[in-house]
Amino acid sequence: MPNPSIKDEDTYQALRDKGASKEKAARIANAQANTDMHPSEKGGQAAPYEDWTVEDLRERAKEIGIEGRWAMKKDELIEALRVH
């Protein structure tokens, strides 16, 4: 039975088949289905995390739900973002 919160079920299933977590596959599938977002156009254009401010890293961590981000140092934030 398809999940109603998944906006692009085919993309979601393809990502799951390739080993992506449920959460990651859902995020990507829903981003691609959103006409206001263009995830394939954004790839490779962002500066490396090392060039981001701690405030920007914490904001990104907040967007993807990383717990304890306010207590993390810059290198810990970068690691958490890369692992997530």
PDB file of N, CA and C in Angstrom:
ATOM      1  N   MET A   1       0.850  -1.170   0.000  1.00  0.00           N
ATOM      2  CA  MET A   1       0.000   0.000   0.000  1.00  0.00           C
ATOM      3  C   MET A   1       0.907   1.248   0.000  1.00  0.00           C
ATOM      4  N   PRO A   2       0.703   2.154  -0.939  1.00  0.00           N
ATOM      5  CA  PRO A   2       1.524   3.368  -1.002  1.00  0.00           C
ATOM      6  C   PRO A   2       1.313   4.263   0.216  1.00  0.00           C
ATOM      7  N   ASN A   3       2.371   4.939   0.601  1.00  0.00           N
ATOM      8  CA  ASN A   3       2.326   5.865   1.729  1.00  0.00           C
ATOM      9  C   ASN A   3       1.841   7.215   1.217  1.00  0.00           C
ATOM     10  N   PRO A   4       0.753   7.770   1.759  1.00  0.00           N
ATOM     11  CA  PRO A   4       0.216   9.034   1.254  1.00  0.00           C
ATOM     12  C   PRO A   4       1.136  10.231   1.482  1.00  0.00           C
ATOM     13  N   SER A   5       2.123  10.108   2.390  1.00  0.00           N
ATOM     14  CA  SER A   5       3.043  11.225   2.616  1.00  0.00           C
ATOM     15  C   SER A   5       4.184  11.248   1.595  1.00  0.00           C
ATOM     16  N   ILE A   6       4.297  10.195   0.785  1.00  0.00           N
ATOM     17  CA  ILE A   6       5.317  10.138  -0.266  1.00  0.00           C
ATOM     18  C   ILE A   6       4.704  10.701  -1.546  1.00  0.00           C
ATOM     19  N   LYS A   7       5.316  11.760  -2.070  1.00  0.00           N
ATOM     20  CA  LYS A   7       4.758  12.449  -3.236  1.00  0.00           C
ATOM     21  C   LYS A   7       5.184  11.831  -4.566  1.00  0.00           C
ATOM     22  N   ASP A   8       6.301  11.108  -4.578  1.00  0.00           N
ATOM     23  CA  ASP A   8       6.781  10.458  -5.797  1.00  0.00           C
ATOM     24  C   ASP A   8       7.179   9.031  -5.437  1.00  0.00           C
ATOM     25  N   GLU A   9       6.210   8.147  -5.485  1.00  0.00           N
ATOM     26  CA  GLU A   9       6.392   6.765  -5.031  1.00  0.00           C
ATOM     27  C   GLU A   9       7.453   6.026  -5.847  1.00  0.00           C
ATOM     28  N   ASP A  10       7.531   6.270  -7.154  1.00  0.00           N
ATOM     29  CA  ASP A  10       8.519   5.584  -7.994  1.00  0.00           C
ATOM     30  C   ASP A  10       9.946   5.949  -7.581  1.00  0.00           C
ATOM     31  N   THR A  11      10.191   7.238  -7.371  1.00  0.00           N
ATOM     32  CA  THR A  11      11.519   7.684  -6.935  1.00  0.00           C
ATOM     33  C   THR A  11      11.830   7.110  -5.560  1.00  0.00           C
ATOM     34  N   TYR A  12      10.852   7.148  -4.671  1.00  0.00           N
ATOM     35  CA  TYR A  12      11.032   6.603  -3.326  1.00  0.00           C
ATOM     36  C   TYR A  12      11.444   5.132  -3.390  1.00  0.00           C
ATOM     37  N   GLN A  13      10.722   4.343  -4.166  1.00  0.00           N
ATOM     38  CA  GLN A  13      11.020   2.910  -4.255  1.00  0.00           C
ATOM     39  C   GLN A  13      12.392   2.655  -4.888  1.00  0.00           C
ATOM     40  N   ALA A  14      12.740   3.434  -5.901  1.00  0.00           N
ATOM     41  CA  ALA A  14      14.051   3.277  -6.547  1.00  0.00           C
ATOM     42  C   ALA A  14      15.172   3.558  -5.545  1.00  0.00           C
ATOM     43  N   LEU A  15      15.007   4.598  -4.745  1.00  0.00           N
ATOM     44  CA  LEU A  15      16.021   4.929  -3.744  1.00  0.00           C
ATOM     45  C   LEU A  15      16.102   3.864  -2.657  1.00  0.00           C
ATOM     46  N   ARG A  16      14.965   3.350  -2.233  1.00  0.00           N
ATOM     47  CA  ARG A  16      14.961   2.272  -1.222  1.00  0.00           C
ATOM     48  C   ARG A  16      15.639   1.032  -1.773  1.00  0.00           C
ATOM     49  N   ASP A  17      15.398   0.719  -3.059  1.00  0.00           N
ATOM     50  CA  ASP A  17      16.032  -0.442  -3.678  1.00  0.00           C
ATOM     51  C   ASP A  17      17.548  -0.300  -3.739  1.00  0.00           C
ATOM     52  N   LYS A  18      18.023   0.953  -3.806  1.00  0.00           N
ATOM     53  CA  LYS A  18      19.464   1.222  -3.841  1.00  0.00           C
ATOM     54  C   LYS A  18      20.069   1.299  -2.445  1.00  0.00           C
ATOM     55  N   GLY A  19      19.230   1.127  -1.402  1.00  0.00           N
ATOM     56  CA  GLY A  19      19.732   1.070  -0.043  1.00  0.00           C
ATOM     57  C   GLY A  19      19.533   2.324   0.785  1.00  0.00           C
ATOM     58  N   ALA A  20      18.851   3.333   0.247  1.00  0.00           N
ATOM     59  CA  ALA A  20      18.603   4.558   1.012  1.00  0.00           C
ATOM     60  C   ALA A  20      17.638   4.266   2.156  1.00  0.00           C
ATOM     61  N   SER A  21      17.815   4.979   3.260  1.00  0.00           N
ATOM     62  CA  SER A  21      16.900   4.813   4.389  1.00  0.00           C
ATOM     63  C   SER A  21      15.510   5.311   3.986  1.00  0.00           C
ATOM     64  N   LYS A  22      14.511   4.919   4.730  1.00  0.00           N
ATOM     65  CA  LYS A  22      13.150   5.374   4.452  1.00  0.00           C
ATOM     66  C   LYS A  22      13.071   6.892   4.506  1.00  0.00           C
ATOM     67  N   GLU A  23      13.712   7.477   5.532  1.00  0.00           N
ATOM     68  CA  GLU A  23      13.661   8.929   5.708  1.00  0.00           C
ATOM     69  C   GLU A  23      14.350   9.652   4.548  1.00  0.00           C
ATOM     70  N   LYS A  24      15.530   9.197   4.184  1.00  0.00           N
ATOM     71  CA  LYS A  24      16.270   9.846   3.098  1.00  0.00           C
ATOM     72  C   LYS A  24      15.525   9.703   1.774  1.00  0.00           C
ATOM     73  N   ALA A  25      15.022   8.525   1.495  1.00  0.00           N
ATOM     74  CA  ALA A  25      14.285   8.297   0.252  1.00  0.00           C
ATOM     75  C   ALA A  25      13.036   9.181   0.189  1.00  0.00           C
ATOM     76  N   ALA A  26      12.338   9.314   1.309  1.00  0.00           N
ATOM     77  CA  ALA A  26      11.139  10.153   1.349  1.00  0.00           C
ATOM     78  C   ALA A  26      11.491  11.617   1.120  1.00  0.00           C
ATOM     79  N   ARG A  27      12.568  12.086   1.767  1.00  0.00           N
ATOM     80  CA  ARG A  27      12.981  13.490   1.597  1.00  0.00           C
ATOM     81  C   ARG A  27      13.299  13.789   0.137  1.00  0.00           C
ATOM     82  N   ILE A  28      14.066  12.920  -0.496  1.00  0.00           N
ATOM     83  CA  ILE A  28      14.457  13.146  -1.885  1.00  0.00           C
ATOM     84  C   ILE A  28      13.251  13.055  -2.811  1.00  0.00           C
ATOM     85  N   ALA A  29      12.433  12.032  -2.627  1.00  0.00           N
ATOM     86  CA  ALA A  29      11.263  11.853  -3.485  1.00  0.00           C
ATOM     87  C   ALA A  29      10.310  13.035  -3.367  1.00  0.00           C
ATOM     88  N   ASN A  30      10.090  13.504  -2.152  1.00  0.00           N
ATOM     89  CA  ASN A  30       9.183  14.632  -1.955  1.00  0.00           C
ATOM     90  C   ASN A  30       9.777  15.929  -2.489  1.00  0.00           C
ATOM     91  N   ALA A  31      11.080  16.106  -2.379  1.00  0.00           N
ATOM     92  CA  ALA A  31      11.726  17.305  -2.926  1.00  0.00           C
ATOM     93  C   ALA A  31      11.614  17.322  -4.440  1.00  0.00           C
ATOM     94  N   GLN A  32      11.810  16.183  -5.065  1.00  0.00           N
ATOM     95  CA  GLN A  32      11.716  16.138  -6.522  1.00  0.00           C
ATOM     96  C   GLN A  32      10.289  16.349  -7.007  1.00  0.00           C
ATOM     97  N   ALA A  33       9.324  15.964  -6.205  1.00  0.00           N
ATOM     98  CA  ALA A  33       7.922  16.138  -6.590  1.00  0.00           C
ATOM     99  C   ALA A  33       7.433  17.563  -6.359  1.00  0.00           C
ATOM    100  N   ASN A  34       8.159  18.345  -5.556  1.00  0.00           N
ATOM    101  CA  ASN A  34       7.779  19.717  -5.231  1.00  0.00           C
ATOM    102  C   ASN A  34       8.245  20.648  -6.351  1.00  0.00           C
ATOM    103  N   THR A  35       7.312  21.335  -6.982  1.00  0.00           N
ATOM    104  CA  THR A  35       7.669  22.208  -8.110  1.00  0.00           C
ATOM    105  C   THR A  35       8.489  23.419  -7.687  1.00  0.00           C
ATOM    106  N   ASP A  36       8.482  23.753  -6.398  1.00  0.00           N
ATOM    107  CA  ASP A  36       9.277  24.883  -5.911  1.00  0.00           C
ATOM    108  C   ASP A  36      10.720  24.493  -5.628  1.00  0.00           C
ATOM    109  N   MET A  37      11.002  23.208  -5.589  1.00  0.00           N
ATOM    110  CA  MET A  37      12.358  22.735  -5.311  1.00  0.00           C
ATOM    111  C   MET A  37      12.911  22.063  -6.556  1.00  0.00           C
ATOM    112  N   HIS A  38      14.198  22.157  -6.726  1.00  0.00           N
ATOM    113  CA  HIS A  38      14.865  21.534  -7.871  1.00  0.00           C
ATOM    114  C   HIS A  38      16.138  20.852  -7.382  1.00  0.00           C
ATOM    115  N   PRO A  39      15.997  19.734  -6.646  1.00  0.00           N
ATOM    116  CA  PRO A  39      17.162  19.130  -6.014  1.00  0.00           C
ATOM    117  C   PRO A  39      18.256  18.717  -6.989  1.00  0.00           C
ATOM    118  N   SER A  40      17.898  18.294  -8.179  1.00  0.00           N
ATOM    119  CA  SER A  40      18.926  17.883  -9.125  1.00  0.00           C
ATOM    120  C   SER A  40      19.718  19.071  -9.640  1.00  0.00           C
ATOM    121  N   GLU A  41      19.134  20.264  -9.601  1.00  0.00           N
ATOM    122  CA  GLU A  41      19.833  21.462 -10.046  1.00  0.00           C
ATOM    123  C   GLU A  41      20.750  22.016  -8.969  1.00  0.00           C
ATOM    124  N   LYS A  42      20.519  21.642  -7.711  1.00  0.00           N
ATOM    125  CA  LYS A  42      21.301  22.188  -6.612  1.00  0.00           C
ATOM    126  C   LYS A  42      22.581  21.413  -6.377  1.00  0.00           C
ATOM    127  N   GLY A  43      22.639  20.189  -6.811  1.00  0.00           N
ATOM    128  CA  GLY A  43      23.774  19.333  -6.518  1.00  0.00           C
ATOM    129  C   GLY A  43      25.108  19.940  -6.932  1.00  0.00           C
ATOM    130  N   GLY A  44      26.061  19.915  -6.002  1.00  0.00           N
ATOM    131  CA  GLY A  44      27.400  20.376  -6.290  1.00  0.00           C
ATOM    132  C   GLY A  44      27.589  21.882  -6.282  1.00  0.00           C
ATOM    133  N   GLN A  45      26.542  22.665  -6.061  1.00  0.00           N
ATOM    134  CA  GLN A  45      26.659  24.107  -6.114  1.00  0.00           C
ATOM    135  C   GLN A  45      26.860  24.734  -4.734  1.00  0.00           C
ATOM    136  N   ALA A  46      26.579  24.002  -3.693  1.00  0.00           N
ATOM    137  CA  ALA A  46      26.726  24.551  -2.343  1.00  0.00           C
ATOM    138  C   ALA A  46      28.198  24.510  -1.937  1.00  0.00           C
ATOM    139  N   ALA A  47      28.581  25.489  -1.138  1.00  0.00           N
ATOM    140  CA  ALA A  47      29.945  25.516  -0.611  1.00  0.00           C
ATOM    141  C   ALA A  47      30.132  24.348   0.346  1.00  0.00           C
ATOM    142  N   PRO A  48      31.356  23.850   0.493  1.00  0.00           N
ATOM    143  CA  PRO A  48      31.580  22.765   1.456  1.00  0.00           C
ATOM    144  C   PRO A  48      31.212  23.217   2.868  1.00  0.00           C
ATOM    145  N   TYR A  49      30.785  22.267   3.696  1.00  0.00           N
ATOM    146  CA  TYR A  49      30.365  22.594   5.051  1.00  0.00           C
ATOM    147  C   TYR A  49      31.438  23.371   5.813  1.00  0.00           C
ATOM    148  N   GLU A  50      32.698  23.110   5.527  1.00  0.00           N
ATOM    149  CA  GLU A  50      33.771  23.814   6.230  1.00  0.00           C
ATOM    150  C   GLU A  50      33.713  25.326   6.008  1.00  0.00           C
ATOM    151  N   ASP A  51      33.115  25.762   4.913  1.00  0.00           N
ATOM    152  CA  ASP A  51      32.987  27.193   4.614  1.00  0.00           C
ATOM    153  C   ASP A  51      31.732  27.818   5.209  1.00  0.00           C
ATOM    154  N   TRP A  52      30.827  27.003   5.762  1.00  0.00           N
ATOM    155  CA  TRP A  52      29.590  27.499   6.344  1.00  0.00           C
ATOM    156  C   TRP A  52      29.857  28.046   7.743  1.00  0.00           C
ATOM    157  N   THR A  53      29.016  28.969   8.175  1.00  0.00           N
ATOM    158  CA  THR A  53      29.088  29.443   9.555  1.00  0.00           C
ATOM    159  C   THR A  53      28.424  28.408  10.465  1.00  0.00           C
ATOM    160  N   VAL A  54      28.753  28.469  11.749  1.00  0.00           N
ATOM    161  CA  VAL A  54      28.126  27.563  12.713  1.00  0.00           C
ATOM    162  C   VAL A  54      26.617  27.780  12.712  1.00  0.00           C
ATOM    163  N   GLU A  55      26.191  29.026  12.608  1.00  0.00           N
ATOM    164  CA  GLU A  55      24.752  29.332  12.569  1.00  0.00           C
ATOM    165  C   GLU A  55      24.081  28.645  11.373  1.00  0.00           C
ATOM    166  N   ASP A  56      24.708  28.705  10.201  1.00  0.00           N
ATOM    167  CA  ASP A  56      24.147  28.060   9.011  1.00  0.00           C
ATOM    168  C   ASP A  56      24.134  26.540   9.162  1.00  0.00           C
ATOM    169  N   LEU A  57      25.189  25.990   9.750  1.00  0.00           N
ATOM    170  CA  LEU A  57      25.239  24.542   9.973  1.00  0.00           C
ATOM    171  C   LEU A  57      24.126  24.104  10.928  1.00  0.00           C
ATOM    172  N   ARG A  58      23.902  24.885  11.974  1.00  0.00           N
ATOM    173  CA  ARG A  58      22.832  24.550  12.927  1.00  0.00           C
ATOM    174  C   ARG A  58      21.456  24.646  12.273  1.00  0.00           C
ATOM    175  N   GLU A  59      21.277  25.624  11.415  1.00  0.00           N
ATOM    176  CA  GLU A  59      20.000  25.763  10.714  1.00  0.00           C
ATOM    177  C   GLU A  59      19.756  24.553   9.810  1.00  0.00           C
ATOM    178  N   ARG A  60      20.784  24.125   9.105  1.00  0.00           N
ATOM    179  CA  ARG A  60      20.653  22.944   8.242  1.00  0.00           C
ATOM    180  C   ARG A  60      20.379  21.708   9.095  1.00  0.00           C
ATOM    181  N   ALA A  61      21.080  21.584  10.220  1.00  0.00           N
ATOM    182  CA  ALA A  61      20.856  20.458  11.118  1.00  0.00           C
ATOM    183  C   ALA A  61      19.423  20.453  11.640  1.00  0.00           C
ATOM    184  N   LYS A  62      18.897  21.639  11.907  1.00  0.00           N
ATOM    185  CA  LYS A  62      17.508  21.758  12.357  1.00  0.00           C
ATOM    186  C   LYS A  62      16.555  21.275  11.270  1.00  0.00           C
ATOM    187  N   GLU A  63      16.825  21.657  10.020  1.00  0.00           N
ATOM    188  CA  GLU A  63      15.969  21.264   8.894  1.00  0.00           C
ATOM    189  C   GLU A  63      15.856  19.755   8.765  1.00  0.00           C
ATOM    190  N   ILE A  64      16.937  19.047   9.033  1.00  0.00           N
ATOM    191  CA  ILE A  64      16.891  17.598   8.857  1.00  0.00           C
ATOM    192  C   ILE A  64      16.729  16.835  10.169  1.00  0.00           C
ATOM    193  N   GLY A  65      16.536  17.577  11.272  1.00  0.00           N
ATOM    194  CA  GLY A  65      16.159  16.944  12.534  1.00  0.00           C
ATOM    195  C   GLY A  65      17.291  16.356  13.354  1.00  0.00           C
ATOM    196  N   ILE A  66      18.466  16.951  13.317  1.00  0.00           N
ATOM    197  CA  ILE A  66      19.577  16.453  14.126  1.00  0.00           C
ATOM    198  C   ILE A  66      19.420  16.976  15.554  1.00  0.00           C
ATOM    199  N   GLU A  67      19.345  16.051  16.491  1.00  0.00           N
ATOM    200  CA  GLU A  67      19.175  16.391  17.907  1.00  0.00           C
ATOM    201  C   GLU A  67      20.510  16.837  18.500  1.00  0.00           C
ATOM    202  N   GLY A  68      20.463  17.733  19.469  1.00  0.00           N
ATOM    203  CA  GLY A  68      21.651  18.171  20.180  1.00  0.00           C
ATOM    204  C   GLY A  68      22.538  19.131  19.416  1.00  0.00           C
ATOM    205  N   ARG A  69      22.024  19.676  18.334  1.00  0.00           N
ATOM    206  CA  ARG A  69      22.836  20.536  17.460  1.00  0.00           C
ATOM    207  C   ARG A  69      23.337  21.797  18.148  1.00  0.00           C
ATOM    208  N   TRP A  70      22.590  22.314  19.136  1.00  0.00           N
ATOM    209  CA  TRP A  70      22.980  23.570  19.785  1.00  0.00           C
ATOM    210  C   TRP A  70      24.220  23.393  20.650  1.00  0.00           C
ATOM    211  N   ALA A  71      24.485  22.183  21.102  1.00  0.00           N
ATOM    212  CA  ALA A  71      25.657  21.925  21.940  1.00  0.00           C
ATOM    213  C   ALA A  71      26.879  21.506  21.113  1.00  0.00           C
ATOM    214  N   MET A  72      26.699  21.314  19.815  1.00  0.00           N
ATOM    215  CA  MET A  72      27.787  20.819  18.970  1.00  0.00           C
ATOM    216  C   MET A  72      28.717  21.936  18.511  1.00  0.00           C
ATOM    217  N   LYS A  73      29.995  21.577  18.406  1.00  0.00           N
ATOM    218  CA  LYS A  73      30.985  22.473  17.813  1.00  0.00           C
ATOM    219  C   LYS A  73      30.903  22.312  16.299  1.00  0.00           C
ATOM    220  N   LYS A  74      31.573  23.197  15.578  1.00  0.00           N
ATOM    221  CA  LYS A  74      31.490  23.200  14.125  1.00  0.00           C
ATOM    222  C   LYS A  74      31.860  21.850  13.525  1.00  0.00           C
ATOM    223  N   ASP A  75      32.968  21.257  13.950  1.00  0.00           N
ATOM    224  CA  ASP A  75      33.381  19.974  13.384  1.00  0.00           C
ATOM    225  C   ASP A  75      32.386  18.862  13.701  1.00  0.00           C
ATOM    226  N   GLU A  76      31.732  18.934  14.871  1.00  0.00           N
ATOM    227  CA  GLU A  76      30.719  17.947  15.229  1.00  0.00           C
ATOM    228  C   GLU A  76      29.471  18.120  14.367  1.00  0.00           C
ATOM    229  N   LEU A  77      29.092  19.354  14.093  1.00  0.00           N
ATOM    230  CA  LEU A  77      27.945  19.621  13.217  1.00  0.00           C
ATOM    231  C   LEU A  77      28.204  19.075  11.819  1.00  0.00           C
ATOM    232  N   ILE A  78      29.399  19.334  11.306  1.00  0.00           N
ATOM    233  CA  ILE A  78      29.755  18.859   9.964  1.00  0.00           C
ATOM    234  C   ILE A  78      29.667  17.350   9.904  1.00  0.00           C
ATOM    235  N   GLU A  79      30.224  16.667  10.898  1.00  0.00           N
ATOM    236  CA  GLU A  79      30.181  15.206  10.932  1.00  0.00           C
ATOM    237  C   GLU A  79      28.735  14.712  10.991  1.00  0.00           C
ATOM    238  N   ALA A  80      27.925  15.324  11.849  1.00  0.00           N
ATOM    239  CA  ALA A  80      26.526  14.902  11.988  1.00  0.00           C
ATOM    240  C   ALA A  80      25.766  15.105  10.677  1.00  0.00           C
ATOM    241  N   LEU A  81      26.023  16.205   9.997  1.00  0.00           N
ATOM    242  CA  LEU A  81      25.348  16.462   8.721  1.00  0.00           C
ATOM    243  C   LEU A  81      25.782  15.459   7.656  1.00  0.00           C
ATOM    244  N   ARG A  82      27.042  15.120   7.644  1.00  0.00           N
ATOM    245  CA  ARG A  82      27.528  14.172   6.627  1.00  0.00           C
ATOM    246  C   ARG A  82      27.040  12.760   6.889  1.00  0.00           C
ATOM    247  N   VAL A  83      26.897  12.396   8.139  1.00  0.00           N
ATOM    248  CA  VAL A  83      26.443  11.049   8.479  1.00  0.00           C
ATOM    249  C   VAL A  83      24.946  10.909   8.234  1.00  0.00           C
ATOM    250  N   HIS A  84      24.226  11.969   8.465  1.00  0.00           N
ATOM    251  CA  HIS A  84      22.768  11.927   8.350  1.00  0.00           C
ATOM    252  C   HIS A  84      22.356  11.768   6.961  1.00  0.00           C
TER     253      HIS A  84
END
